[in-house]
Amino acid sequence: MASRNRQESGKENLRQEIMDAARELFVAEGYASVSMRKIADKIGYSPTTIYLYFKDKSDLLHQICEQTFAHLAQNIKSIQQLSDNPLEKLRSGLREYVYFGLKHPSQYEIVFITPLPHKFESDFDETNGRVAFDTMRDVVAECVSDNLLKTKDVELISQTLWAGIHGITSILIQHEHFPFVERDKLIDNVIDTLIIGTKA
């Protein structure tokens, strides 16, 4: 039993190593420019080994995105559970989104910045991406139900908030040498400005 557990652990570690290497290459060189052989060379294995874990490059990218979205959703939900106030839950969830991106820049870039094949966008409702988005959307719906926001359009508000926090997250990742004001203060001000713009 112990031997089997070690074997399974080794397989999972290699699977994660493949995903980490692929993610770095996708961000650095672009998804279309990276081959399975290039990924294999990076980790010192043959391409055949990668195909034991992933059907093809598209499947590999899909699994990277699914893992990232699952972690993001879990982090946001954990933070939101610390408050019963809908607006505070919304604020803390938005803040966690930004900090997740700053803590995991390569994951954020491959999921939210790097151009992805159309298939990934069209299949959105069947992915952890929908789960992650709904962590915010559900709290927006709660705020709307409590008459805390000036419009009842949950989708419009949710997408507006996402656009805003994606902007601050991506600019902090891609322009880290710009002389920004104190980072936490900037993040909180952006979030407060977004929420104030939607409040009743």
N, C-alpha and C. Protein backbone atom coordinates (compact mmCIF):
# COMPACT_ATOMS: atom_id res chain seq x y z
N MET A 1 0.82 -1.21 0.00
CA MET A 1 0.00 0.00 0.00
C MET A 1 0.86 1.26 0.00
N ALA A 2 1.91 1.27 0.85
CA ALA A 2 2.80 2.43 0.91
C ALA A 2 3.49 2.64 -0.43
N SER A 3 3.91 1.54 -1.06
CA SER A 3 4.57 1.63 -2.37
C SER A 3 3.62 2.20 -3.41
N ARG A 4 2.36 1.78 -3.37
CA ARG A 4 1.38 2.30 -4.33
C ARG A 4 1.14 3.78 -4.11
N ASN A 5 1.09 4.20 -2.85
CA ASN A 5 0.88 5.61 -2.54
C ASN A 5 2.05 6.45 -3.05
N ARG A 6 3.28 5.94 -2.88
CA ARG A 6 4.45 6.67 -3.38
C ARG A 6 4.41 6.76 -4.89
N GLN A 7 3.96 5.70 -5.53
CA GLN A 7 3.88 5.69 -6.99
C GLN A 7 2.86 6.72 -7.47
N GLU A 8 1.70 6.76 -6.81
CA GLU A 8 0.67 7.72 -7.19
C GLU A 8 1.14 9.15 -6.94
N SER A 9 1.85 9.34 -5.82
CA SER A 9 2.38 10.66 -5.51
C SER A 9 3.39 11.09 -6.56
N GLY A 10 4.23 10.15 -7.01
CA GLY A 10 5.20 10.46 -8.05
C GLY A 10 4.55 10.85 -9.35
N LYS A 11 3.47 10.16 -9.71
CA LYS A 11 2.74 10.49 -10.93
C LYS A 11 2.14 11.89 -10.85
N GLU A 12 1.56 12.20 -9.69
CA GLU A 12 0.94 13.51 -9.53
C GLU A 12 1.99 14.62 -9.55
N ASN A 13 3.15 14.35 -8.95
CA ASN A 13 4.23 15.33 -8.97
C ASN A 13 4.71 15.59 -10.39
N LEU A 14 4.85 14.54 -11.19
CA LEU A 14 5.29 14.70 -12.57
C LEU A 14 4.22 15.44 -13.38
N ARG A 15 2.97 15.12 -13.16
CA ARG A 15 1.88 15.81 -13.85
C ARG A 15 1.94 17.31 -13.55
N GLN A 16 2.17 17.65 -12.28
CA GLN A 16 2.26 19.06 -11.91
C GLN A 16 3.49 19.71 -12.51
N GLU A 17 4.59 18.97 -12.57
CA GLU A 17 5.82 19.49 -13.18
C GLU A 17 5.60 19.81 -14.66
N ILE A 18 4.88 18.95 -15.34
CA ILE A 18 4.55 19.19 -16.75
C ILE A 18 3.71 20.45 -16.89
N MET A 19 2.70 20.60 -16.04
CA MET A 19 1.82 21.76 -16.10
C MET A 19 2.59 23.05 -15.80
N ASP A 20 3.46 23.02 -14.81
CA ASP A 20 4.25 24.20 -14.46
C ASP A 20 5.16 24.62 -15.61
N ALA A 21 5.82 23.64 -16.23
CA ALA A 21 6.72 23.93 -17.34
C ALA A 21 5.95 24.48 -18.53
N ALA A 22 4.81 23.87 -18.83
CA ALA A 22 4.00 24.33 -19.96
C ALA A 22 3.50 25.74 -19.73
N ARG A 23 3.05 26.02 -18.51
CA ARG A 23 2.54 27.36 -18.21
C ARG A 23 3.62 28.42 -18.42
N GLU A 24 4.82 28.15 -17.93
CA GLU A 24 5.91 29.10 -18.10
C GLU A 24 6.21 29.35 -19.57
N LEU A 25 6.22 28.29 -20.36
CA LEU A 25 6.50 28.43 -21.79
C LEU A 25 5.37 29.14 -22.51
N PHE A 26 4.13 28.84 -22.17
CA PHE A 26 2.99 29.49 -22.81
C PHE A 26 3.03 31.00 -22.57
N VAL A 27 3.38 31.40 -21.35
CA VAL A 27 3.46 32.82 -21.02
C VAL A 27 4.62 33.48 -21.74
N ALA A 28 5.77 32.82 -21.75
CA ALA A 28 6.99 33.41 -22.32
C ALA A 28 6.97 33.46 -23.84
N GLU A 29 6.41 32.42 -24.49
CA GLU A 29 6.53 32.30 -25.94
C GLU A 29 5.20 32.33 -26.68
N GLY A 30 4.10 32.26 -25.95
CA GLY A 30 2.79 32.20 -26.60
C GLY A 30 2.36 30.77 -26.83
N TYR A 31 1.10 30.51 -26.61
CA TYR A 31 0.57 29.15 -26.71
C TYR A 31 0.87 28.52 -28.07
N ALA A 32 0.63 29.27 -29.13
CA ALA A 32 0.78 28.72 -30.48
C ALA A 32 2.22 28.34 -30.81
N SER A 33 3.19 28.97 -30.15
CA SER A 33 4.60 28.75 -30.48
C SER A 33 5.23 27.59 -29.70
N VAL A 34 4.50 27.05 -28.76
CA VAL A 34 5.06 26.01 -27.89
C VAL A 34 4.58 24.63 -28.34
N SER A 35 5.53 23.73 -28.52
CA SER A 35 5.20 22.36 -28.90
C SER A 35 5.31 21.44 -27.68
N MET A 36 4.72 20.27 -27.79
CA MET A 36 4.84 19.29 -26.72
C MET A 36 6.30 18.87 -26.54
N ARG A 37 7.04 18.83 -27.64
CA ARG A 37 8.46 18.47 -27.55
C ARG A 37 9.23 19.53 -26.76
N LYS A 38 8.90 20.79 -26.96
CA LYS A 38 9.59 21.85 -26.23
C LYS A 38 9.30 21.74 -24.73
N ILE A 39 8.07 21.40 -24.40
CA ILE A 39 7.71 21.20 -22.98
C ILE A 39 8.49 20.02 -22.42
N ALA A 40 8.54 18.95 -23.19
CA ALA A 40 9.26 17.75 -22.75
C ALA A 40 10.75 18.05 -22.53
N ASP A 41 11.34 18.81 -23.44
CA ASP A 41 12.75 19.16 -23.31
C ASP A 41 13.00 19.96 -22.03
N LYS A 42 12.06 20.82 -21.68
CA LYS A 42 12.22 21.67 -20.50
C LYS A 42 12.28 20.85 -19.22
N ILE A 43 11.54 19.75 -19.16
CA ILE A 43 11.52 18.94 -17.94
C ILE A 43 12.40 17.69 -18.04
N GLY A 44 13.03 17.49 -19.21
CA GLY A 44 13.94 16.37 -19.36
C GLY A 44 13.29 15.02 -19.56
N TYR A 45 12.10 15.04 -20.18
CA TYR A 45 11.40 13.79 -20.49
C TYR A 45 11.11 13.76 -21.99
N SER A 46 10.66 12.60 -22.47
CA SER A 46 10.27 12.49 -23.87
C SER A 46 8.83 12.98 -24.04
N PRO A 47 8.46 13.45 -25.24
CA PRO A 47 7.07 13.86 -25.48
C PRO A 47 6.08 12.75 -25.17
N THR A 48 6.49 11.50 -25.38
CA THR A 48 5.61 10.36 -25.10
C THR A 48 5.14 10.36 -23.66
N THR A 49 6.03 10.75 -22.75
CA THR A 49 5.68 10.79 -21.33
C THR A 49 4.54 11.77 -21.07
N ILE A 50 4.59 12.92 -21.73
CA ILE A 50 3.54 13.92 -21.53
C ILE A 50 2.19 13.39 -21.99
N TYR A 51 2.20 12.64 -23.08
CA TYR A 51 0.94 12.10 -23.61
C TYR A 51 0.34 11.02 -22.70
N LEU A 52 1.09 10.55 -21.74
CA LEU A 52 0.53 9.63 -20.76
C LEU A 52 -0.38 10.36 -19.77
N TYR A 53 -0.19 11.69 -19.69
CA TYR A 53 -0.94 12.49 -18.73
C TYR A 53 -1.96 13.42 -19.38
N PHE A 54 -1.69 13.83 -20.61
CA PHE A 54 -2.56 14.78 -21.30
C PHE A 54 -2.78 14.33 -22.75
N LYS A 55 -3.99 14.49 -23.25
CA LYS A 55 -4.32 14.04 -24.61
C LYS A 55 -3.50 14.78 -25.65
N ASP A 56 -3.40 16.09 -25.47
CA ASP A 56 -2.69 16.93 -26.43
C ASP A 56 -2.42 18.28 -25.77
N LYS A 57 -1.88 19.20 -26.54
CA LYS A 57 -1.53 20.51 -25.98
C LYS A 57 -2.76 21.26 -25.51
N SER A 58 -3.86 21.12 -26.22
CA SER A 58 -5.10 21.78 -25.83
C SER A 58 -5.59 21.27 -24.48
N ASP A 59 -5.51 19.97 -24.28
CA ASP A 59 -5.92 19.39 -23.00
C ASP A 59 -5.02 19.87 -21.87
N LEU A 60 -3.74 19.98 -22.15
CA LEU A 60 -2.78 20.47 -21.16
C LEU A 60 -3.13 21.90 -20.75
N LEU A 61 -3.40 22.76 -21.71
CA LEU A 61 -3.78 24.14 -21.41
C LEU A 61 -5.08 24.17 -20.62
N HIS A 62 -6.04 23.34 -21.03
CA HIS A 62 -7.32 23.29 -20.33
C HIS A 62 -7.14 22.93 -18.86
N GLN A 63 -6.29 21.95 -18.58
CA GLN A 63 -6.07 21.52 -17.20
C GLN A 63 -5.36 22.60 -16.38
N ILE A 64 -4.46 23.34 -17.01
CA ILE A 64 -3.80 24.46 -16.33
C ILE A 64 -4.84 25.51 -15.94
N CYS A 65 -5.72 25.84 -16.87
CA CYS A 65 -6.76 26.83 -16.59
C CYS A 65 -7.72 26.34 -15.51
N GLU A 66 -8.12 25.08 -15.59
CA GLU A 66 -9.04 24.52 -14.60
C GLU A 66 -8.44 24.56 -13.20
N GLN A 67 -7.17 24.22 -13.09
CA GLN A 67 -6.52 24.24 -11.79
C GLN A 67 -6.44 25.66 -11.23
N THR A 68 -6.08 26.60 -12.08
CA THR A 68 -5.96 27.99 -11.64
C THR A 68 -7.31 28.54 -11.20
N PHE A 69 -8.34 28.31 -12.00
CA PHE A 69 -9.68 28.79 -11.64
C PHE A 69 -10.16 28.17 -10.34
N ALA A 70 -9.88 26.88 -10.14
CA ALA A 70 -10.32 26.20 -8.91
C ALA A 70 -9.66 26.82 -7.69
N HIS A 71 -8.37 27.11 -7.78
CA HIS A 71 -7.65 27.74 -6.67
C HIS A 71 -8.19 29.14 -6.40
N LEU A 72 -8.43 29.89 -7.46
CA LEU A 72 -8.96 31.24 -7.31
C LEU A 72 -10.33 31.22 -6.64
N ALA A 73 -11.21 30.35 -7.10
CA ALA A 73 -12.56 30.25 -6.53
C ALA A 73 -12.50 29.86 -5.06
N GLN A 74 -11.64 28.91 -4.74
CA GLN A 74 -11.51 28.46 -3.35
C GLN A 74 -11.02 29.59 -2.45
N ASN A 75 -10.03 30.34 -2.91
CA ASN A 75 -9.49 31.45 -2.12
C ASN A 75 -10.54 32.52 -1.88
N ILE A 76 -11.28 32.88 -2.93
CA ILE A 76 -12.29 33.93 -2.80
C ILE A 76 -13.40 33.49 -1.85
N LYS A 77 -13.87 32.26 -1.99
CA LYS A 77 -14.93 31.75 -1.11
C LYS A 77 -14.48 31.75 0.35
N SER A 78 -13.25 31.36 0.59
CA SER A 78 -12.74 31.32 1.97
C SER A 78 -12.73 32.71 2.59
N ILE A 79 -12.33 33.70 1.82
CA ILE A 79 -12.30 35.08 2.32
C ILE A 79 -13.72 35.60 2.54
N GLN A 80 -14.61 35.33 1.61
CA GLN A 80 -15.98 35.83 1.71
C GLN A 80 -16.71 35.28 2.92
N GLN A 81 -16.36 34.08 3.34
CA GLN A 81 -17.04 33.45 4.48
C GLN A 81 -16.73 34.12 5.81
N LEU A 82 -15.78 35.04 5.81
CA LEU A 82 -15.39 35.71 7.04
C LEU A 82 -16.33 36.85 7.40
N SER A 83 -17.27 37.19 6.52
CA SER A 83 -18.20 38.29 6.78
C SER A 83 -19.61 37.92 6.36
N ASP A 84 -20.59 38.50 7.06
CA ASP A 84 -22.00 38.32 6.69
C ASP A 84 -22.54 39.53 5.93
N ASN A 85 -21.73 40.59 5.86
CA ASN A 85 -22.14 41.81 5.18
C ASN A 85 -21.91 41.66 3.68
N PRO A 86 -22.95 41.75 2.85
CA PRO A 86 -22.79 41.52 1.40
C PRO A 86 -21.75 42.43 0.75
N LEU A 87 -21.77 43.72 1.10
CA LEU A 87 -20.81 44.64 0.48
C LEU A 87 -19.38 44.33 0.92
N GLU A 88 -19.21 43.94 2.18
CA GLU A 88 -17.88 43.60 2.65
C GLU A 88 -17.41 42.29 2.01
N LYS A 89 -18.33 41.35 1.82
CA LYS A 89 -17.99 40.11 1.12
C LYS A 89 -17.56 40.41 -0.31
N LEU A 90 -18.26 41.35 -0.95
CA LEU A 90 -17.91 41.73 -2.32
C LEU A 90 -16.54 42.38 -2.34
N ARG A 91 -16.31 43.30 -1.42
CA ARG A 91 -15.03 44.00 -1.37
C ARG A 91 -13.87 43.03 -1.10
N SER A 92 -14.04 42.15 -0.15
CA SER A 92 -12.96 41.22 0.20
C SER A 92 -12.70 40.22 -0.93
N GLY A 93 -13.76 39.82 -1.64
CA GLY A 93 -13.59 38.92 -2.77
C GLY A 93 -12.83 39.57 -3.91
N LEU A 94 -13.13 40.83 -4.18
CA LEU A 94 -12.42 41.56 -5.23
C LEU A 94 -10.95 41.73 -4.85
N ARG A 95 -10.71 42.03 -3.59
CA ARG A 95 -9.33 42.20 -3.12
C ARG A 95 -8.55 40.89 -3.25
N GLU A 96 -9.18 39.79 -2.89
CA GLU A 96 -8.52 38.49 -2.98
C GLU A 96 -8.19 38.14 -4.43
N TYR A 97 -9.07 38.52 -5.35
CA TYR A 97 -8.82 38.30 -6.78
C TYR A 97 -7.51 38.97 -7.19
N VAL A 98 -7.36 40.24 -6.80
CA VAL A 98 -6.15 40.98 -7.17
C VAL A 98 -4.91 40.34 -6.55
N TYR A 99 -4.99 40.03 -5.27
CA TYR A 99 -3.82 39.46 -4.59
C TYR A 99 -3.48 38.07 -5.12
N PHE A 100 -4.48 37.32 -5.53
CA PHE A 100 -4.21 36.02 -6.15
C PHE A 100 -3.37 36.20 -7.41
N GLY A 101 -3.77 37.16 -8.24
CA GLY A 101 -3.02 37.42 -9.46
C GLY A 101 -1.60 37.87 -9.20
N LEU A 102 -1.42 38.71 -8.18
CA LEU A 102 -0.08 39.20 -7.86
C LEU A 102 0.80 38.11 -7.25
N LYS A 103 0.18 37.20 -6.53
CA LYS A 103 0.93 36.10 -5.92
C LYS A 103 1.26 35.02 -6.93
N HIS A 104 0.42 34.86 -7.95
CA HIS A 104 0.61 33.82 -8.97
C HIS A 104 0.58 34.46 -10.36
N PRO A 105 1.55 35.30 -10.68
CA PRO A 105 1.49 36.05 -11.94
C PRO A 105 1.48 35.19 -13.20
N SER A 106 2.25 34.10 -13.21
CA SER A 106 2.27 33.28 -14.43
C SER A 106 0.93 32.58 -14.63
N GLN A 107 0.32 32.10 -13.53
CA GLN A 107 -1.00 31.50 -13.65
C GLN A 107 -2.01 32.52 -14.15
N TYR A 108 -1.94 33.73 -13.59
CA TYR A 108 -2.88 34.77 -13.98
C TYR A 108 -2.71 35.14 -15.45
N GLU A 109 -1.48 35.26 -15.87
CA GLU A 109 -1.22 35.66 -17.26
C GLU A 109 -1.75 34.64 -18.25
N ILE A 110 -1.53 33.35 -17.98
CA ILE A 110 -1.97 32.34 -18.95
C ILE A 110 -3.49 32.26 -19.00
N VAL A 111 -4.17 32.50 -17.89
CA VAL A 111 -5.63 32.38 -17.85
C VAL A 111 -6.32 33.65 -18.32
N PHE A 112 -5.80 34.83 -17.93
CA PHE A 112 -6.53 36.06 -18.15
C PHE A 112 -5.90 37.02 -19.16
N ILE A 113 -4.64 36.82 -19.52
CA ILE A 113 -3.97 37.77 -20.40
C ILE A 113 -3.56 37.15 -21.73
N THR A 114 -2.98 35.95 -21.69
CA THR A 114 -2.55 35.28 -22.92
C THR A 114 -3.75 34.92 -23.78
N PRO A 115 -3.74 35.26 -25.08
CA PRO A 115 -4.85 34.87 -25.96
C PRO A 115 -5.02 33.35 -25.97
N LEU A 116 -6.26 32.89 -25.76
CA LEU A 116 -6.55 31.46 -25.72
C LEU A 116 -7.35 31.05 -26.95
N PRO A 117 -7.27 29.78 -27.33
CA PRO A 117 -8.08 29.29 -28.45
C PRO A 117 -9.56 29.56 -28.20
N HIS A 118 -10.30 29.80 -29.27
CA HIS A 118 -11.73 30.12 -29.16
C HIS A 118 -12.50 29.07 -28.38
N LYS A 119 -12.10 27.82 -28.50
CA LYS A 119 -12.79 26.73 -27.82
C LYS A 119 -12.90 26.97 -26.32
N PHE A 120 -11.87 27.55 -25.73
CA PHE A 120 -11.87 27.76 -24.29
C PHE A 120 -12.91 28.79 -23.88
N GLU A 121 -13.13 29.79 -24.72
CA GLU A 121 -14.14 30.79 -24.42
C GLU A 121 -15.54 30.22 -24.62
N SER A 122 -15.74 29.44 -25.66
CA SER A 122 -17.07 28.91 -25.96
C SER A 122 -17.51 27.87 -24.95
N ASP A 123 -16.56 27.20 -24.29
CA ASP A 123 -16.88 26.17 -23.30
C ASP A 123 -16.89 26.71 -21.88
N PHE A 124 -16.91 28.02 -21.72
CA PHE A 124 -16.74 28.66 -20.41
C PHE A 124 -17.71 28.15 -19.36
N ASP A 125 -18.97 27.96 -19.72
CA ASP A 125 -19.99 27.56 -18.75
C ASP A 125 -19.74 26.19 -18.14
N GLU A 126 -18.91 25.38 -18.78
CA GLU A 126 -18.64 24.03 -18.30
C GLU A 126 -17.31 23.92 -17.55
N THR A 127 -16.75 25.05 -17.15
CA THR A 127 -15.42 25.04 -16.55
C THR A 127 -15.41 25.62 -15.14
N ASN A 128 -14.27 25.48 -14.49
CA ASN A 128 -14.07 26.13 -13.20
C ASN A 128 -14.00 27.64 -13.34
N GLY A 129 -13.81 28.12 -14.58
CA GLY A 129 -13.86 29.55 -14.82
C GLY A 129 -15.22 30.11 -14.46
N ARG A 130 -16.27 29.40 -14.80
CA ARG A 130 -17.63 29.80 -14.43
C ARG A 130 -17.80 29.77 -12.91
N VAL A 131 -17.24 28.74 -12.28
CA VAL A 131 -17.32 28.64 -10.82
C VAL A 131 -16.64 29.84 -10.17
N ALA A 132 -15.46 30.20 -10.67
CA ALA A 132 -14.72 31.34 -10.12
C ALA A 132 -15.50 32.64 -10.33
N PHE A 133 -16.03 32.84 -11.54
CA PHE A 133 -16.79 34.06 -11.81
C PHE A 133 -18.03 34.13 -10.93
N ASP A 134 -18.66 32.99 -10.70
CA ASP A 134 -19.89 32.97 -9.91
C ASP A 134 -19.65 33.26 -8.43
N THR A 135 -18.40 33.12 -7.95
CA THR A 135 -18.14 33.51 -6.57
C THR A 135 -18.38 35.00 -6.39
N MET A 136 -18.10 35.78 -7.42
CA MET A 136 -18.38 37.21 -7.38
C MET A 136 -19.83 37.48 -7.75
N ARG A 137 -20.30 36.84 -8.79
CA ARG A 137 -21.66 37.08 -9.26
C ARG A 137 -22.70 36.79 -8.17
N ASP A 138 -22.50 35.73 -7.41
CA ASP A 138 -23.46 35.37 -6.37
C ASP A 138 -23.54 36.43 -5.28
N VAL A 139 -22.39 37.04 -4.94
CA VAL A 139 -22.39 38.10 -3.93
C VAL A 139 -23.01 39.37 -4.50
N VAL A 140 -22.78 39.64 -5.78
CA VAL A 140 -23.44 40.78 -6.43
C VAL A 140 -24.96 40.59 -6.38
N ALA A 141 -25.41 39.38 -6.66
CA ALA A 141 -26.85 39.08 -6.60
C ALA A 141 -27.39 39.28 -5.20
N GLU A 142 -26.59 38.94 -4.20
CA GLU A 142 -27.00 39.15 -2.81
C GLU A 142 -27.13 40.64 -2.51
N CYS A 143 -26.19 41.44 -3.00
CA CYS A 143 -26.25 42.89 -2.82
C CYS A 143 -27.48 43.48 -3.51
N VAL A 144 -27.78 42.98 -4.71
CA VAL A 144 -28.96 43.44 -5.45
C VAL A 144 -30.22 43.08 -4.68
N SER A 145 -30.27 41.88 -4.15
CA SER A 145 -31.44 41.42 -3.39
C SER A 145 -31.68 42.29 -2.16
N ASP A 146 -30.60 42.79 -1.56
CA ASP A 146 -30.71 43.64 -0.38
C ASP A 146 -30.83 45.12 -0.74
N ASN A 147 -31.01 45.42 -2.03
CA ASN A 147 -31.17 46.81 -2.51
C ASN A 147 -29.97 47.69 -2.16
N LEU A 148 -28.78 47.12 -2.24
CA LEU A 148 -27.57 47.87 -1.92
C LEU A 148 -26.93 48.50 -3.15
N LEU A 149 -27.37 48.10 -4.34
CA LEU A 149 -26.79 48.60 -5.58
C LEU A 149 -27.84 49.36 -6.39
N LYS A 150 -27.37 50.28 -7.23
CA LYS A 150 -28.31 51.18 -7.91
C LYS A 150 -28.96 50.57 -9.13
N THR A 151 -28.46 49.44 -9.60
CA THR A 151 -29.08 48.75 -10.73
C THR A 151 -29.33 47.30 -10.35
N LYS A 152 -30.33 46.71 -10.97
CA LYS A 152 -30.68 45.32 -10.67
C LYS A 152 -30.04 44.34 -11.67
N ASP A 153 -29.25 44.86 -12.58
CA ASP A 153 -28.64 44.02 -13.62
C ASP A 153 -27.39 43.33 -13.05
N VAL A 154 -27.58 42.12 -12.55
CA VAL A 154 -26.49 41.40 -11.90
C VAL A 154 -25.33 41.13 -12.86
N GLU A 155 -25.64 40.74 -14.10
CA GLU A 155 -24.59 40.44 -15.07
C GLU A 155 -23.77 41.69 -15.40
N LEU A 156 -24.46 42.80 -15.61
CA LEU A 156 -23.76 44.05 -15.94
C LEU A 156 -22.82 44.46 -14.81
N ILE A 157 -23.31 44.42 -13.59
CA ILE A 157 -22.48 44.81 -12.45
C ILE A 157 -21.30 43.86 -12.30
N SER A 158 -21.56 42.57 -12.39
CA SER A 158 -20.50 41.57 -12.20
C SER A 158 -19.40 41.73 -13.24
N GLN A 159 -19.79 41.92 -14.50
CA GLN A 159 -18.79 42.06 -15.56
C GLN A 159 -18.05 43.39 -15.46
N THR A 160 -18.74 44.43 -15.00
CA THR A 160 -18.09 45.72 -14.80
C THR A 160 -17.03 45.63 -13.71
N LEU A 161 -17.39 44.99 -12.60
CA LEU A 161 -16.44 44.84 -11.50
C LEU A 161 -15.24 43.98 -11.93
N TRP A 162 -15.52 42.92 -12.67
CA TRP A 162 -14.43 42.06 -13.13
C TRP A 162 -13.49 42.83 -14.05
N ALA A 163 -14.06 43.61 -14.98
CA ALA A 163 -13.23 44.41 -15.89
C ALA A 163 -12.33 45.35 -15.11
N GLY A 164 -12.88 45.95 -14.05
CA GLY A 164 -12.10 46.89 -13.25
C GLY A 164 -10.97 46.23 -12.50
N ILE A 165 -11.25 45.12 -11.83
CA ILE A 165 -10.18 44.49 -11.04
C ILE A 165 -9.18 43.76 -11.93
N HIS A 166 -9.63 43.31 -13.11
CA HIS A 166 -8.67 42.73 -14.04
C HIS A 166 -7.69 43.81 -14.49
N GLY A 167 -8.20 45.01 -14.68
CA GLY A 167 -7.33 46.11 -15.11
C GLY A 167 -6.22 46.39 -14.12
N ILE A 168 -6.57 46.53 -12.85
CA ILE A 168 -5.55 46.84 -11.84
C ILE A 168 -4.61 45.65 -11.65
N THR A 169 -5.14 44.44 -11.72
CA THR A 169 -4.29 43.26 -11.54
C THR A 169 -3.28 43.13 -12.67
N SER A 170 -3.75 43.24 -13.89
CA SER A 170 -2.86 43.06 -15.04
C SER A 170 -1.83 44.17 -15.14
N ILE A 171 -2.22 45.40 -14.81
CA ILE A 171 -1.25 46.50 -14.92
C ILE A 171 -0.17 46.39 -13.85
N LEU A 172 -0.53 45.90 -12.67
CA LEU A 172 0.47 45.71 -11.63
C LEU A 172 1.43 44.56 -11.96
N ILE A 173 0.92 43.55 -12.66
CA ILE A 173 1.77 42.43 -13.07
C ILE A 173 2.70 42.83 -14.21
N GLN A 174 2.17 43.51 -15.19
CA GLN A 174 2.93 43.77 -16.41
C GLN A 174 3.76 45.05 -16.37
N HIS A 175 3.51 45.91 -15.39
CA HIS A 175 4.26 47.17 -15.29
C HIS A 175 4.77 47.35 -13.87
N GLU A 176 5.48 46.35 -13.38
CA GLU A 176 5.91 46.35 -11.99
C GLU A 176 6.92 47.44 -11.66
N HIS A 177 7.57 48.01 -12.67
CA HIS A 177 8.58 49.03 -12.40
C HIS A 177 8.03 50.45 -12.50
N PHE A 178 6.74 50.58 -12.81
CA PHE A 178 6.13 51.92 -12.83
C PHE A 178 6.07 52.45 -11.39
N PRO A 179 6.29 53.75 -11.19
CA PRO A 179 6.29 54.30 -9.82
C PRO A 179 4.88 54.47 -9.25
N PHE A 180 4.21 53.35 -9.03
CA PHE A 180 2.87 53.39 -8.44
C PHE A 180 2.93 53.92 -7.01
N VAL A 181 1.80 54.46 -6.54
CA VAL A 181 1.67 54.79 -5.12
C VAL A 181 1.70 53.47 -4.35
N GLU A 182 1.67 53.55 -3.03
CA GLU A 182 1.72 52.34 -2.19
C GLU A 182 0.69 51.33 -2.68
N ARG A 183 1.12 50.12 -2.94
CA ARG A 183 0.31 49.14 -3.68
C ARG A 183 -1.03 48.84 -3.04
N ASP A 184 -1.04 48.53 -1.75
CA ASP A 184 -2.29 48.18 -1.10
C ASP A 184 -3.28 49.33 -1.12
N LYS A 185 -2.76 50.54 -0.96
CA LYS A 185 -3.62 51.72 -1.00
C LYS A 185 -4.24 51.88 -2.39
N LEU A 186 -3.46 51.65 -3.43
CA LEU A 186 -3.96 51.75 -4.80
C LEU A 186 -5.04 50.70 -5.05
N ILE A 187 -4.78 49.47 -4.64
CA ILE A 187 -5.75 48.39 -4.85
C ILE A 187 -7.05 48.70 -4.14
N ASP A 188 -6.97 49.11 -2.88
CA ASP A 188 -8.19 49.41 -2.11
C ASP A 188 -8.95 50.58 -2.72
N ASN A 189 -8.22 51.58 -3.23
CA ASN A 189 -8.89 52.73 -3.82
C ASN A 189 -9.62 52.36 -5.11
N VAL A 190 -9.00 51.51 -5.92
CA VAL A 190 -9.66 51.04 -7.14
C VAL A 190 -10.93 50.27 -6.79
N ILE A 191 -10.84 49.37 -5.82
CA ILE A 191 -12.00 48.57 -5.43
C ILE A 191 -13.10 49.45 -4.85
N ASP A 192 -12.73 50.39 -3.98
CA ASP A 192 -13.72 51.29 -3.40
C ASP A 192 -14.40 52.13 -4.48
N THR A 193 -13.61 52.59 -5.45
CA THR A 193 -14.17 53.39 -6.54
C THR A 193 -15.15 52.57 -7.36
N LEU A 194 -14.82 51.33 -7.64
CA LEU A 194 -15.72 50.45 -8.39
C LEU A 194 -17.02 50.22 -7.63
N ILE A 195 -16.91 49.94 -6.35
CA ILE A 195 -18.11 49.65 -5.55
C ILE A 195 -18.96 50.90 -5.39
N ILE A 196 -18.33 52.03 -5.12
CA ILE A 196 -19.08 53.29 -4.99
C ILE A 196 -19.87 53.58 -6.26
N GLY A 197 -19.28 53.26 -7.40
CA GLY A 197 -19.95 53.49 -8.67
C GLY A 197 -21.18 52.63 -8.89
N THR A 198 -21.30 51.55 -8.13
CA THR A 198 -22.45 50.65 -8.30
C THR A 198 -23.46 50.77 -7.16
N LYS A 199 -23.08 51.45 -6.07
CA LYS A 199 -23.96 51.50 -4.90
C LYS A 199 -25.19 52.37 -5.13
N ALA A 200 -26.26 52.00 -4.44
CA ALA A 200 -27.52 52.76 -4.54
C ALA A 200 -27.37 54.10 -3.84
